[in-house]
Protein backbone atom coordinates (compact mmCIF):
# COMPACT_ATOMS: atom_id res chain seq x y z
CA MET A 1 89.92 144.52 -227.34
CA ASN A 2 92.61 146.28 -225.23
CA LYS A 3 95.39 144.30 -224.28
CA GLN A 4 97.56 145.43 -221.25
CA LEU A 5 101.64 145.08 -221.21
CA PRO A 6 102.52 142.57 -218.82
CA SER A 7 102.57 143.42 -214.86
CA HIS A 8 106.32 142.86 -214.82
CA THR A 9 106.79 145.71 -217.07
CA SER A 10 107.89 148.86 -215.13
CA GLY A 11 109.54 151.58 -216.82
CA PRO A 12 109.59 152.66 -220.48
CA VAL A 13 109.15 149.97 -223.02
CA SER A 14 111.47 149.80 -226.43
CA VAL A 15 110.40 148.27 -229.82
CA LEU A 16 113.15 147.27 -232.22
CA ARG A 17 112.74 146.86 -235.47
CA LEU A 18 113.98 144.09 -237.86
CA PRO A 19 117.72 145.42 -238.62
CA ALA A 20 117.78 145.90 -235.01
CA VAL A 21 116.79 142.95 -233.98
CA LYS A 22 118.87 140.91 -237.33
CA SER A 23 121.99 143.15 -235.58
CA ARG A 24 121.41 141.52 -231.88
CA VAL A 25 120.40 138.31 -232.03
CA GLY A 26 123.13 137.51 -235.18
CA LEU A 27 120.27 135.93 -237.20
CA GLY A 28 119.07 136.76 -240.40
CA ARG A 29 115.66 137.54 -241.52
CA SER A 30 114.32 134.11 -242.47
CA SER A 31 116.20 132.47 -239.73
CA ILE A 32 113.93 134.60 -237.49
CA TYR A 33 110.81 134.19 -238.75
CA SER A 34 111.59 130.58 -239.27
CA ALA A 35 111.92 130.48 -235.82
CA LEU A 36 108.80 132.30 -234.77
CA ALA A 37 106.69 130.22 -236.88
CA ARG A 38 108.12 127.14 -234.79
CA GLY A 39 107.30 129.17 -231.37
CA GLU A 40 111.10 129.91 -230.54
CA PHE A 41 111.26 133.36 -231.20
CA PRO A 42 109.50 136.25 -229.55
CA ALA A 43 106.29 137.41 -231.35
CA PRO A 44 106.39 140.82 -232.92
CA VAL A 45 103.95 143.43 -231.83
CA LYS A 46 101.67 145.27 -234.82
CA LEU A 47 102.88 148.94 -234.78
CA GLY A 48 100.92 150.16 -238.13
CA GLU A 49 99.29 148.61 -241.15
CA ARG A 50 102.90 147.55 -242.28
CA ALA A 51 105.21 147.82 -239.48
CA VAL A 52 105.81 145.53 -236.54
CA GLY A 53 108.57 145.57 -234.33
CA TRP A 54 110.30 143.28 -230.98
CA ILE A 55 110.00 144.42 -227.58
CA GLU A 56 113.57 144.48 -226.58
CA SER A 57 113.02 142.77 -223.18
CA ASP A 58 111.49 140.06 -224.77
CA ILE A 59 114.47 139.70 -227.26
CA ASP A 60 117.02 140.10 -224.17
CA THR A 61 115.20 137.36 -222.37
CA TRP A 62 115.10 135.40 -225.72
CA ILE A 63 119.53 135.87 -226.01
CA SER A 64 119.98 135.10 -222.20
CA ASN A 65 117.68 132.21 -222.61
CA ARG A 66 120.21 130.98 -225.82
CA ILE A 67 123.11 131.51 -223.91
CA ASN A 68 121.99 129.48 -220.89
CA ALA A 69 120.62 126.53 -223.42
CA THR A 70 124.30 126.52 -225.05
CA ARG A 71 126.27 126.41 -221.52
CA GLY A 72 123.90 123.81 -220.09
CA GLY A 73 122.08 125.61 -218.16
CA GLY A 74 118.66 124.99 -219.39
CA ALA A 75 115.90 124.15 -222.24
CA ALA A 76 116.46 126.13 -225.59
């Protein structure tokens, strides 16, 4: 089964590993995985048998959404 990237992806895709994601969003591992389980955080992509990463643009969008929600500009 081949899954394609969304059509809005036009340039190179950057993948962030957990330490970089933690640094970018200001949350710890447990908080990230709890939000993921609630459907409130972008899902990671499988990189290998025991490795996952997050698409940088997904993390950027999540951060923007949190800023907007905090400042009264939209939903969380």
